[in-house]
Amino acid sequence: MKTLRLDLFVNYIAAARAGSLSRAAGEAGLSRTALWQQLRGLERAYGATLFRRKRYGIELTVEGEQFLSLVEPLVAGFRALPAAFDELRHGRVPVLRVACPDSIEENELVPVLERFREEHPGARVEVVETPSRGVPGLVAAGEASLGLEVDPPGASAVGTLRYERLYDRRVFIALRADHPLAAGRLTLRALAGVPFATEPIGSRLRTRLERSFEAARLAERLRVVLESSSERVLLGAVARGETVTAISCRRSPRAPDGVRVRAAGHLFGRLPVYLVSRLGHPPDRVASAFEAILVRCLRVGSG
């Protein structure tokens, strides 16, 4: 029987998330050599290749991803044992607050919340809707345990918060199926002057649109006639024939009848989404469970 050492699993998770021996070793209080020896020891113990070296860091193999999916809930459950026992003894219903933009709640969080409620019926999640730029403040202040922030500027420079890249949001243009731009090549010049519905000023998507039009020297021809953080509102305006819209989501959105959705990554790129939590504040049982489901459902490469 293989020996189970929690500290090895904790360090394995740190290395997998950091993608860097130096960073993970710093978190664990070990030297790079000592950490690498631990990781190689795990590989020998389980007869698997869990990591491969890259030019700048390390990355998980397929077996490494599989092993991580088993180890994360194990460590989270062990860490949460004292709080879980206390809640059980006193009959308290644990509540987790998650901060994110409305568009993420409407799209990516729906299957995550459904799975969490199935697996943890005794816990409750409250979603705090906020523009992406408001997520770090809520998490740092402890008003939300976790946050989902789109394309955060200088994430690695924020000393009190931990950022983990989960997935990318693709950018799409939605327009009526009978719109002149519903067929043919989609270009910024073709979109210039067209009535636009999109997210409010300051949102990550709006900023990306503005910068793209500026780079093409078309800034003055980005004609925004409706602002909303709700995808339903934006698509409704398109369905009524009032505007075209730019939206971002993980997969192509479900469009109303008569609306065509076109990929626009060649114009606006992708928007990375990061999981935000506080450094030095280990997640409780509910936060650990929710985070594990988030990672399973949404992490880059998870489908």
C-alpha atoms as a PDB file:
ATOM      1  CA  MET A   1       0.000   0.000   0.000  1.00  0.00           C
ATOM      2  CA  LYS A   2       1.348   3.435  -0.958  1.00  0.00           C
ATOM      3  CA  THR A   3       1.979   5.954   1.826  1.00  0.00           C
ATOM      4  CA  LEU A   4      -0.348   8.983   1.665  1.00  0.00           C
ATOM      5  CA  ARG A   5       1.398  12.202   2.688  1.00  0.00           C
ATOM      6  CA  LEU A   6      -0.735  15.301   2.628  1.00  0.00           C
ATOM      7  CA  ASP A   7       2.243  17.660   2.349  1.00  0.00           C
ATOM      8  CA  LEU A   8       3.339  15.986  -0.900  1.00  0.00           C
ATOM      9  CA  PHE A   9      -0.124  16.402  -2.383  1.00  0.00           C
ATOM     10  CA  VAL A  10      -0.255  20.056  -1.270  1.00  0.00           C
ATOM     11  CA  ASN A  11       3.089  20.743  -2.952  1.00  0.00           C
ATOM     12  CA  TYR A  12       1.967  18.861  -6.068  1.00  0.00           C
ATOM     13  CA  ILE A  13      -1.101  21.095  -6.358  1.00  0.00           C
ATOM     14  CA  ALA A  14       1.034  24.211  -5.852  1.00  0.00           C
ATOM     15  CA  ALA A  15       3.421  23.150  -8.625  1.00  0.00           C
ATOM     16  CA  ALA A  16       0.552  22.279 -10.969  1.00  0.00           C
ATOM     17  CA  ARG A  17      -1.117  25.649 -10.457  1.00  0.00           C
ATOM     18  CA  ALA A  18       2.037  27.746 -10.583  1.00  0.00           C
ATOM     19  CA  GLY A  19       3.617  26.035 -13.597  1.00  0.00           C
ATOM     20  CA  SER A  20       6.899  27.075 -12.026  1.00  0.00           C
ATOM     21  CA  LEU A  21       9.204  25.180  -9.680  1.00  0.00           C
ATOM     22  CA  SER A  22      10.617  28.400  -8.218  1.00  0.00           C
ATOM     23  CA  ARG A  23       7.213  29.866  -7.389  1.00  0.00           C
ATOM     24  CA  ALA A  24       5.827  26.614  -5.972  1.00  0.00           C
ATOM     25  CA  ALA A  25       9.001  25.993  -3.968  1.00  0.00           C
ATOM     26  CA  GLY A  26       8.696  29.472  -2.475  1.00  0.00           C
ATOM     27  CA  GLU A  27       5.121  28.766  -1.375  1.00  0.00           C
ATOM     28  CA  ALA A  28       6.185  25.442   0.162  1.00  0.00           C
ATOM     29  CA  GLY A  29       9.290  26.833   1.855  1.00  0.00           C
ATOM     30  CA  LEU A  30      11.528  24.389  -0.023  1.00  0.00           C
ATOM     31  CA  SER A  31      14.389  24.648  -2.471  1.00  0.00           C
ATOM     32  CA  ARG A  32      13.670  23.986  -6.148  1.00  0.00           C
ATOM     33  CA  THR A  33      15.740  20.798  -5.947  1.00  0.00           C
ATOM     34  CA  ALA A  34      13.861  19.491  -2.904  1.00  0.00           C
ATOM     35  CA  LEU A  35      10.495  20.165  -4.519  1.00  0.00           C
ATOM     36  CA  TRP A  36      11.523  18.509  -7.784  1.00  0.00           C
ATOM     37  CA  GLN A  37      12.681  15.453  -5.841  1.00  0.00           C
ATOM     38  CA  GLN A  38       9.278  15.286  -4.151  1.00  0.00           C
ATOM     39  CA  LEU A  39       7.498  15.447  -7.497  1.00  0.00           C
ATOM     40  CA  ARG A  40       9.746  12.764  -8.976  1.00  0.00           C
ATOM     41  CA  GLY A  41       9.093  10.652  -5.880  1.00  0.00           C
ATOM     42  CA  LEU A  42       5.355  10.875  -6.520  1.00  0.00           C
ATOM     43  CA  GLU A  43       5.913   9.786 -10.112  1.00  0.00           C
ATOM     44  CA  ARG A  44       7.903   6.758  -8.983  1.00  0.00           C
ATOM     45  CA  ALA A  45       5.361   5.867  -6.296  1.00  0.00           C
ATOM     46  CA  TYR A  46       2.447   5.911  -8.744  1.00  0.00           C
ATOM     47  CA  GLY A  47       4.325   4.709 -11.823  1.00  0.00           C
ATOM     48  CA  ALA A  48       3.301   7.719 -13.906  1.00  0.00           C
ATOM     49  CA  THR A  49       4.823  10.747 -15.612  1.00  0.00           C
ATOM     50  CA  LEU A  50       3.005  13.676 -14.026  1.00  0.00           C
ATOM     51  CA  PHE A  51       5.059  16.672 -15.225  1.00  0.00           C
ATOM     52  CA  ARG A  52       7.132  17.635 -18.219  1.00  0.00           C
ATOM     53  CA  ARG A  53       9.681  20.421 -18.278  1.00  0.00           C
ATOM     54  CA  LYS A  54       9.228  23.413 -20.574  1.00  0.00           C
ATOM     55  CA  ARG A  55      11.694  26.117 -21.490  1.00  0.00           C
ATOM     56  CA  TYR A  56      10.179  28.364 -18.845  1.00  0.00           C
ATOM     57  CA  GLY A  57       8.704  26.155 -16.143  1.00  0.00           C
ATOM     58  CA  ILE A  58       6.789  22.889 -16.002  1.00  0.00           C
ATOM     59  CA  GLU A  59       3.415  21.633 -17.180  1.00  0.00           C
ATOM     60  CA  LEU A  60       1.150  18.706 -16.397  1.00  0.00           C
ATOM     61  CA  THR A  61       0.935  15.651 -18.623  1.00  0.00           C
ATOM     62  CA  VAL A  62      -2.424  13.984 -19.273  1.00  0.00           C
ATOM     63  CA  GLU A  63      -1.711  11.632 -16.358  1.00  0.00           C
ATOM     64  CA  GLY A  64      -0.755  14.659 -14.280  1.00  0.00           C
ATOM     65  CA  GLU A  65      -4.123  16.295 -14.975  1.00  0.00           C
ATOM     66  CA  GLN A  66      -5.899  13.074 -14.001  1.00  0.00           C
ATOM     67  CA  PHE A  67      -3.897  12.823 -10.786  1.00  0.00           C
ATOM     68  CA  LEU A  68      -4.628  16.480  -9.983  1.00  0.00           C
ATOM     69  CA  SER A  69      -8.379  15.913 -10.363  1.00  0.00           C
ATOM     70  CA  LEU A  70      -8.156  13.242  -7.636  1.00  0.00           C
ATOM     71  CA  VAL A  71      -5.745  15.022  -5.311  1.00  0.00           C
ATOM     72  CA  GLU A  72      -7.449  18.446  -5.186  1.00  0.00           C
ATOM     73  CA  PRO A  73     -10.713  17.303  -3.580  1.00  0.00           C
ATOM     74  CA  LEU A  74      -8.757  15.052  -1.203  1.00  0.00           C
ATOM     75  CA  VAL A  75      -6.658  17.950   0.100  1.00  0.00           C
ATOM     76  CA  ALA A  76      -9.637  20.327   0.160  1.00  0.00           C
ATOM     77  CA  GLY A  77     -11.664  17.840   2.184  1.00  0.00           C
ATOM     78  CA  PHE A  78      -8.882  17.296   4.711  1.00  0.00           C
ATOM     79  CA  ARG A  79      -8.304  21.016   5.183  1.00  0.00           C
ATOM     80  CA  ALA A  80     -12.013  21.638   5.601  1.00  0.00           C
ATOM     81  CA  LEU A  81     -12.557  18.873   8.163  1.00  0.00           C
ATOM     82  CA  PRO A  82     -12.470  21.089  11.307  1.00  0.00           C
ATOM     83  CA  ALA A  83     -14.918  23.639   9.883  1.00  0.00           C
ATOM     84  CA  ALA A  84     -17.174  20.941   8.441  1.00  0.00           C
ATOM     85  CA  PHE A  85     -17.355  19.151  11.779  1.00  0.00           C
ATOM     86  CA  ASP A  86     -18.139  22.419  13.553  1.00  0.00           C
ATOM     87  CA  GLU A  87     -20.929  23.238  11.080  1.00  0.00           C
ATOM     88  CA  LEU A  88     -22.388  19.759  11.448  1.00  0.00           C
ATOM     89  CA  ARG A  89     -22.345  19.943  15.245  1.00  0.00           C
ATOM     90  CA  HIS A  90     -24.096  23.307  15.323  1.00  0.00           C
ATOM     91  CA  GLY A  91     -26.472  22.789  12.392  1.00  0.00           C
ATOM     92  CA  ARG A  92     -25.231  25.789  10.410  1.00  0.00           C
ATOM     93  CA  VAL A  93     -25.791  26.104   6.651  1.00  0.00           C
ATOM     94  CA  PRO A  94     -22.515  27.285   5.077  1.00  0.00           C
ATOM     95  CA  VAL A  95     -22.781  30.151   2.579  1.00  0.00           C
ATOM     96  CA  LEU A  96     -20.209  30.979  -0.098  1.00  0.00           C
ATOM     97  CA  ARG A  97     -20.145  34.368  -1.830  1.00  0.00           C
ATOM     98  CA  VAL A  98     -18.693  34.508  -5.347  1.00  0.00           C
ATOM     99  CA  ALA A  99     -18.094  37.836  -7.118  1.00  0.00           C
ATOM    100  CA  CYS A 100     -18.268  38.010 -10.911  1.00  0.00           C
ATOM    101  CA  PRO A 101     -19.679  40.018 -13.830  1.00  0.00           C
ATOM    102  CA  ASP A 102     -23.290  39.409 -14.804  1.00  0.00           C
ATOM    103  CA  SER A 103     -22.294  37.890 -18.153  1.00  0.00           C
ATOM    104  CA  ILE A 104     -20.254  35.160 -16.431  1.00  0.00           C
ATOM    105  CA  GLU A 105     -23.136  34.355 -14.088  1.00  0.00           C
ATOM    106  CA  GLU A 106     -25.503  34.068 -17.070  1.00  0.00           C
ATOM    107  CA  ASN A 107     -23.208  31.756 -19.012  1.00  0.00           C
ATOM    108  CA  GLU A 108     -20.278  29.937 -17.452  1.00  0.00           C
ATOM    109  CA  LEU A 109     -21.554  29.712 -13.866  1.00  0.00           C
ATOM    110  CA  VAL A 110     -24.872  28.034 -14.695  1.00  0.00           C
ATOM    111  CA  PRO A 111     -23.499  24.463 -15.081  1.00  0.00           C
ATOM    112  CA  VAL A 112     -21.036  25.027 -12.220  1.00  0.00           C
ATOM    113  CA  LEU A 113     -23.819  26.051  -9.822  1.00  0.00           C
ATOM    114  CA  GLU A 114     -25.992  23.134 -10.911  1.00  0.00           C
ATOM    115  CA  ARG A 115     -23.202  20.629 -10.286  1.00  0.00           C
ATOM    116  CA  PHE A 116     -22.311  22.205  -6.946  1.00  0.00           C
ATOM    117  CA  ARG A 117     -25.920  21.988  -5.721  1.00  0.00           C
ATOM    118  CA  GLU A 118     -26.073  18.347  -6.772  1.00  0.00           C
ATOM    119  CA  GLU A 119     -22.829  17.442  -4.987  1.00  0.00           C
ATOM    120  CA  HIS A 120     -23.276  19.722  -1.950  1.00  0.00           C
ATOM    121  CA  PRO A 121     -27.011  20.122  -1.230  1.00  0.00           C
ATOM    122  CA  GLY A 122     -26.288  21.292   2.320  1.00  0.00           C
ATOM    123  CA  ALA A 123     -24.401  24.406   1.209  1.00  0.00           C
ATOM    124  CA  ARG A 124     -25.513  27.639  -0.432  1.00  0.00           C
ATOM    125  CA  VAL A 125     -23.812  29.913  -2.975  1.00  0.00           C
ATOM    126  CA  GLU A 126     -24.587  33.619  -3.313  1.00  0.00           C
ATOM    127  CA  VAL A 127     -23.380  35.288  -6.522  1.00  0.00           C
ATOM    128  CA  VAL A 128     -22.389  38.933  -6.085  1.00  0.00           C
ATOM    129  CA  GLU A 129     -22.823  40.643  -9.454  1.00  0.00           C
ATOM    130  CA  THR A 130     -20.193  43.298 -10.108  1.00  0.00           C
ATOM    131  CA  PRO A 131     -18.253  44.678 -13.079  1.00  0.00           C
ATOM    132  CA  SER A 132     -15.011  42.798 -13.600  1.00  0.00           C
ATOM    133  CA  ARG A 133     -12.962  45.697 -12.231  1.00  0.00           C
ATOM    134  CA  GLY A 134     -14.897  45.435  -8.931  1.00  0.00           C
ATOM    135  CA  VAL A 135     -14.012  41.785  -8.286  1.00  0.00           C
ATOM    136  CA  PRO A 136     -10.560  42.300  -6.678  1.00  0.00           C
ATOM    137  CA  GLY A 137     -11.882  44.808  -4.149  1.00  0.00           C
ATOM    138  CA  LEU A 138     -14.688  42.524  -2.978  1.00  0.00           C
ATOM    139  CA  VAL A 139     -12.340  39.562  -2.585  1.00  0.00           C
ATOM    140  CA  ALA A 140      -9.606  41.602  -0.879  1.00  0.00           C
ATOM    141  CA  ALA A 141     -12.153  43.023   1.591  1.00  0.00           C
ATOM    142  CA  GLY A 142     -13.491  39.568   2.417  1.00  0.00           C
ATOM    143  CA  GLU A 143     -16.946  40.404   1.049  1.00  0.00           C
ATOM    144  CA  ALA A 144     -16.562  37.478  -1.369  1.00  0.00           C
ATOM    145  CA  SER A 145     -14.470  34.355  -0.835  1.00  0.00           C
ATOM    146  CA  LEU A 146     -13.830  33.844  -4.543  1.00  0.00           C
ATOM    147  CA  GLY A 147     -14.065  35.983  -7.658  1.00  0.00           C
ATOM    148  CA  LEU A 148     -13.966  35.590 -11.416  1.00  0.00           C
ATOM    149  CA  GLU A 149     -12.252  38.490 -13.169  1.00  0.00           C
ATOM    150  CA  VAL A 150     -11.996  39.009 -16.923  1.00  0.00           C
ATOM    151  CA  ASP A 151      -8.625  40.017 -18.382  1.00  0.00           C
ATOM    152  CA  PRO A 152      -7.239  41.540 -15.154  1.00  0.00           C
ATOM    153  CA  PRO A 153      -4.501  44.128 -15.720  1.00  0.00           C
ATOM    154  CA  GLY A 154      -1.247  43.211 -13.980  1.00  0.00           C
ATOM    155  CA  ALA A 155      -2.725  40.280 -12.064  1.00  0.00           C
ATOM    156  CA  SER A 156       0.634  38.905 -11.015  1.00  0.00           C
ATOM    157  CA  ALA A 157       1.564  42.239  -9.423  1.00  0.00           C
ATOM    158  CA  VAL A 158      -1.280  42.207  -6.868  1.00  0.00           C
ATOM    159  CA  GLY A 159       0.382  41.101  -3.644  1.00  0.00           C
ATOM    160  CA  THR A 160      -2.687  40.288  -1.522  1.00  0.00           C
ATOM    161  CA  LEU A 161      -4.558  38.209  -4.094  1.00  0.00           C
ATOM    162  CA  ARG A 162      -3.936  34.926  -5.850  1.00  0.00           C
ATOM    163  CA  TYR A 163      -4.832  34.692  -9.553  1.00  0.00           C
ATOM    164  CA  GLU A 164      -5.313  31.410 -11.396  1.00  0.00           C
ATOM    165  CA  ARG A 165      -6.164  31.396 -15.085  1.00  0.00           C
ATOM    166  CA  LEU A 166      -9.217  29.231 -15.698  1.00  0.00           C
ATOM    167  CA  TYR A 167     -10.330  29.705 -19.297  1.00  0.00           C
ATOM    168  CA  ASP A 168     -10.638  32.158 -22.180  1.00  0.00           C
ATOM    169  CA  ARG A 169     -13.740  33.984 -23.337  1.00  0.00           C
ATOM    170  CA  ARG A 170     -14.115  34.272 -27.085  1.00  0.00           C
ATOM    171  CA  VAL A 171     -15.543  37.398 -28.703  1.00  0.00           C
ATOM    172  CA  PHE A 172     -18.552  37.152 -31.014  1.00  0.00           C
ATOM    173  CA  ILE A 173     -20.554  39.568 -33.131  1.00  0.00           C
ATOM    174  CA  ALA A 174     -24.312  38.930 -33.094  1.00  0.00           C
ATOM    175  CA  LEU A 175     -26.548  40.455 -35.753  1.00  0.00           C
ATOM    176  CA  ARG A 176     -29.820  39.729 -37.482  1.00  0.00           C
ATOM    177  CA  ALA A 177     -29.641  36.981 -40.069  1.00  0.00           C
ATOM    178  CA  ASP A 178     -30.805  39.463 -42.741  1.00  0.00           C
ATOM    179  CA  HIS A 179     -28.172  42.077 -41.820  1.00  0.00           C
ATOM    180  CA  PRO A 180     -25.733  42.959 -44.663  1.00  0.00           C
ATOM    181  CA  LEU A 181     -22.816  41.793 -42.473  1.00  0.00           C
ATOM    182  CA  ALA A 182     -24.352  38.380 -41.763  1.00  0.00           C
ATOM    183  CA  ALA A 183     -22.356  36.990 -44.699  1.00  0.00           C
ATOM    184  CA  GLY A 184     -18.924  37.693 -46.115  1.00  0.00           C
ATOM    185  CA  ARG A 185     -15.722  38.666 -44.362  1.00  0.00           C
ATOM    186  CA  LEU A 186     -16.144  40.489 -41.068  1.00  0.00           C
ATOM    187  CA  THR A 187     -13.775  43.460 -40.689  1.00  0.00           C
ATOM    188  CA  LEU A 188     -13.458  46.449 -38.376  1.00  0.00           C
ATOM    189  CA  ARG A 189     -13.945  48.782 -41.302  1.00  0.00           C
ATOM    190  CA  ALA A 190     -17.229  47.056 -42.133  1.00  0.00           C
ATOM    191  CA  LEU A 191     -18.377  47.447 -38.498  1.00  0.00           C
ATOM    192  CA  ALA A 192     -17.377  51.116 -38.339  1.00  0.00           C
ATOM    193  CA  GLY A 193     -20.430  53.351 -38.056  1.00  0.00           C
ATOM    194  CA  VAL A 194     -22.833  50.446 -37.469  1.00  0.00           C
ATOM    195  CA  PRO A 195     -25.107  50.968 -34.399  1.00  0.00           C
ATOM    196  CA  PHE A 196     -23.539  48.875 -31.611  1.00  0.00           C
ATOM    197  CA  ALA A 197     -24.886  47.462 -28.361  1.00  0.00           C
ATOM    198  CA  THR A 198     -22.220  46.324 -25.935  1.00  0.00           C
ATOM    199  CA  GLU A 199     -21.027  46.365 -22.347  1.00  0.00           C
ATOM    200  CA  PRO A 200     -20.634  49.650 -20.412  1.00  0.00           C
ATOM    201  CA  ILE A 201     -17.532  51.849 -20.520  1.00  0.00           C
ATOM    202  CA  GLY A 202     -14.780  50.398 -18.356  1.00  0.00           C
ATOM    203  CA  SER A 203     -15.728  46.769 -18.890  1.00  0.00           C
ATOM    204  CA  ARG A 204     -12.993  44.517 -20.209  1.00  0.00           C
ATOM    205  CA  LEU A 205     -14.844  43.757 -23.454  1.00  0.00           C
ATOM    206  CA  ARG A 206     -15.676  47.422 -24.088  1.00  0.00           C
ATOM    207  CA  THR A 207     -12.032  48.335 -23.520  1.00  0.00           C
ATOM    208  CA  ARG A 208     -10.920  45.626 -25.943  1.00  0.00           C
ATOM    209  CA  LEU A 209     -13.342  46.927 -28.606  1.00  0.00           C
ATOM    210  CA  GLU A 210     -12.199  50.519 -28.150  1.00  0.00           C
ATOM    211  CA  ARG A 211      -8.523  49.601 -28.393  1.00  0.00           C
ATOM    212  CA  SER A 212      -9.092  47.502 -31.500  1.00  0.00           C
ATOM    213  CA  PHE A 213     -10.909  50.344 -33.257  1.00  0.00           C
ATOM    214  CA  GLU A 214      -8.218  52.798 -32.121  1.00  0.00           C
ATOM    215  CA  ALA A 215      -5.458  50.564 -33.482  1.00  0.00           C
ATOM    216  CA  ALA A 216      -7.252  50.538 -36.838  1.00  0.00           C
ATOM    217  CA  ARG A 217      -7.635  54.350 -36.683  1.00  0.00           C
ATOM    218  CA  LEU A 218     -11.390  53.980 -36.539  1.00  0.00           C
ATOM    219  CA  ALA A 219     -11.991  55.075 -32.932  1.00  0.00           C
ATOM    220  CA  GLU A 220     -14.413  57.853 -33.864  1.00  0.00           C
ATOM    221  CA  ARG A 221     -16.543  55.406 -35.847  1.00  0.00           C
ATOM    222  CA  LEU A 222     -17.281  52.991 -32.987  1.00  0.00           C
ATOM    223  CA  ARG A 223     -20.940  53.935 -32.622  1.00  0.00           C
ATOM    224  CA  VAL A 224     -22.358  52.606 -29.336  1.00  0.00           C
ATOM    225  CA  VAL A 225     -26.101  53.240 -28.972  1.00  0.00           C
ATOM    226  CA  LEU A 226     -26.931  50.836 -26.117  1.00  0.00           C
ATOM    227  CA  GLU A 227     -24.956  49.721 -23.058  1.00  0.00           C
ATOM    228  CA  SER A 228     -25.783  46.731 -20.866  1.00  0.00           C
ATOM    229  CA  SER A 229     -23.892  44.100 -18.887  1.00  0.00           C
ATOM    230  CA  SER A 230     -26.666  41.579 -19.607  1.00  0.00           C
ATOM    231  CA  GLU A 231     -26.257  39.330 -22.619  1.00  0.00           C
ATOM    232  CA  ARG A 232     -30.041  38.854 -22.752  1.00  0.00           C
ATOM    233  CA  VAL A 233     -30.578  42.601 -23.137  1.00  0.00           C
ATOM    234  CA  LEU A 234     -27.914  42.888 -25.832  1.00  0.00           C
ATOM    235  CA  LEU A 235     -29.241  39.966 -27.875  1.00  0.00           C
ATOM    236  CA  GLY A 236     -32.792  41.261 -27.459  1.00  0.00           C
ATOM    237  CA  ALA A 237     -31.805  44.557 -29.088  1.00  0.00           C
ATOM    238  CA  VAL A 238     -30.251  42.626 -31.969  1.00  0.00           C
ATOM    239  CA  ALA A 239     -33.357  40.471 -32.415  1.00  0.00           C
ATOM    240  CA  ARG A 240     -35.480  43.632 -32.673  1.00  0.00           C
ATOM    241  CA  GLY A 241     -33.227  44.899 -35.460  1.00  0.00           C
ATOM    242  CA  GLU A 242     -31.983  47.894 -33.457  1.00  0.00           C
ATOM    243  CA  THR A 243     -28.262  47.088 -33.321  1.00  0.00           C
ATOM    244  CA  VAL A 244     -25.494  44.576 -33.739  1.00  0.00           C
ATOM    245  CA  THR A 245     -23.666  43.532 -30.581  1.00  0.00           C
ATOM    246  CA  ALA A 246     -20.310  42.260 -29.387  1.00  0.00           C
ATOM    247  CA  ILE A 247     -20.431  39.699 -26.593  1.00  0.00           C
ATOM    248  CA  SER A 248     -17.845  37.450 -24.992  1.00  0.00           C
ATOM    249  CA  CYS A 249     -18.339  33.968 -23.586  1.00  0.00           C
ATOM    250  CA  ARG A 250     -16.603  30.622 -23.373  1.00  0.00           C
ATOM    251  CA  ARG A 251     -18.597  29.053 -26.187  1.00  0.00           C
ATOM    252  CA  SER A 252     -20.822  30.408 -28.938  1.00  0.00           C
ATOM    253  CA  PRO A 253     -23.950  31.798 -27.228  1.00  0.00           C
ATOM    254  CA  ARG A 254     -27.490  30.647 -27.853  1.00  0.00           C
ATOM    255  CA  ALA A 255     -29.032  33.260 -30.072  1.00  0.00           C
ATOM    256  CA  PRO A 256     -32.724  34.170 -30.464  1.00  0.00           C
ATOM    257  CA  ASP A 257     -34.508  33.154 -33.651  1.00  0.00           C
ATOM    258  CA  GLY A 258     -33.427  35.253 -36.598  1.00  0.00           C
ATOM    259  CA  VAL A 259     -30.068  36.198 -35.039  1.00  0.00           C
ATOM    260  CA  ARG A 260     -26.734  35.011 -36.385  1.00  0.00           C
ATOM    261  CA  VAL A 261     -23.627  34.792 -34.196  1.00  0.00           C
ATOM    262  CA  ARG A 262     -20.240  35.193 -35.876  1.00  0.00           C
ATOM    263  CA  ALA A 263     -16.815  34.538 -34.355  1.00  0.00           C
ATOM    264  CA  ALA A 264     -14.747  37.721 -34.105  1.00  0.00           C
ATOM    265  CA  GLY A 265     -11.543  36.487 -32.514  1.00  0.00           C
ATOM    266  CA  HIS A 266      -9.568  37.630 -35.541  1.00  0.00           C
ATOM    267  CA  LEU A 267     -10.680  41.185 -34.720  1.00  0.00           C
ATOM    268  CA  PHE A 268     -10.653  41.288 -30.927  1.00  0.00           C
ATOM    269  CA  GLY A 269      -8.669  38.284 -29.680  1.00  0.00           C
ATOM    270  CA  ARG A 270      -9.662  36.409 -26.520  1.00  0.00           C
ATOM    271  CA  LEU A 271     -10.333  37.552 -22.951  1.00  0.00           C
ATOM    272  CA  PRO A 272      -8.747  35.365 -20.245  1.00  0.00           C
ATOM    273  CA  VAL A 273     -10.766  34.738 -17.075  1.00  0.00           C
ATOM    274  CA  TYR A 274      -9.000  34.307 -13.734  1.00  0.00           C
ATOM    275  CA  LEU A 275     -10.098  32.815 -10.430  1.00  0.00           C
ATOM    276  CA  VAL A 276      -9.317  35.332  -7.676  1.00  0.00           C
ATOM    277  CA  SER A 277      -8.832  34.463  -3.998  1.00  0.00           C
ATOM    278  CA  ARG A 278      -6.981  35.930  -1.022  1.00  0.00           C
ATOM    279  CA  LEU A 279      -3.419  34.923  -0.271  1.00  0.00           C
ATOM    280  CA  GLY A 280      -2.884  33.706   3.273  1.00  0.00           C
ATOM    281  CA  HIS A 281      -6.556  32.763   3.730  1.00  0.00           C
ATOM    282  CA  PRO A 282      -6.973  29.012   3.138  1.00  0.00           C
ATOM    283  CA  PRO A 283     -10.408  28.303   1.644  1.00  0.00           C
ATOM    284  CA  ASP A 284     -13.024  26.732   3.895  1.00  0.00           C
ATOM    285  CA  ARG A 285     -14.796  23.504   3.017  1.00  0.00           C
ATOM    286  CA  VAL A 286     -17.446  25.099   0.797  1.00  0.00           C
ATOM    287  CA  ALA A 287     -15.001  27.384  -1.020  1.00  0.00           C
ATOM    288  CA  SER A 288     -12.632  24.460  -1.626  1.00  0.00           C
ATOM    289  CA  ALA A 289     -15.434  22.321  -3.031  1.00  0.00           C
ATOM    290  CA  PHE A 290     -16.728  25.109  -5.265  1.00  0.00           C
ATOM    291  CA  GLU A 291     -13.233  25.946  -6.488  1.00  0.00           C
ATOM    292  CA  ALA A 292     -12.595  22.296  -7.378  1.00  0.00           C
ATOM    293  CA  ILE A 293     -15.802  22.189  -9.454  1.00  0.00           C
ATOM    294  CA  LEU A 294     -14.910  25.486 -11.152  1.00  0.00           C
ATOM    295  CA  VAL A 295     -11.531  24.117 -12.131  1.00  0.00           C
ATOM    296  CA  ARG A 296     -13.001  20.826 -13.396  1.00  0.00           C
ATOM    297  CA  CYS A 297     -15.640  22.566 -15.490  1.00  0.00           C
ATOM    298  CA  LEU A 298     -13.853  25.641 -16.769  1.00  0.00           C
ATOM    299  CA  ARG A 299     -10.078  25.253 -16.674  1.00  0.00           C
ATOM    300  CA  VAL A 300      -8.285  25.839 -19.981  1.00  0.00           C
ATOM    301  CA  GLY A 301      -8.370  22.581 -21.934  1.00  0.00           C
ATOM    302  CA  SER A 302     -11.346  21.112 -20.042  1.00  0.00           C
ATOM    303  CA  GLY A 303     -13.616  21.374 -23.053  1.00  0.00           C
END
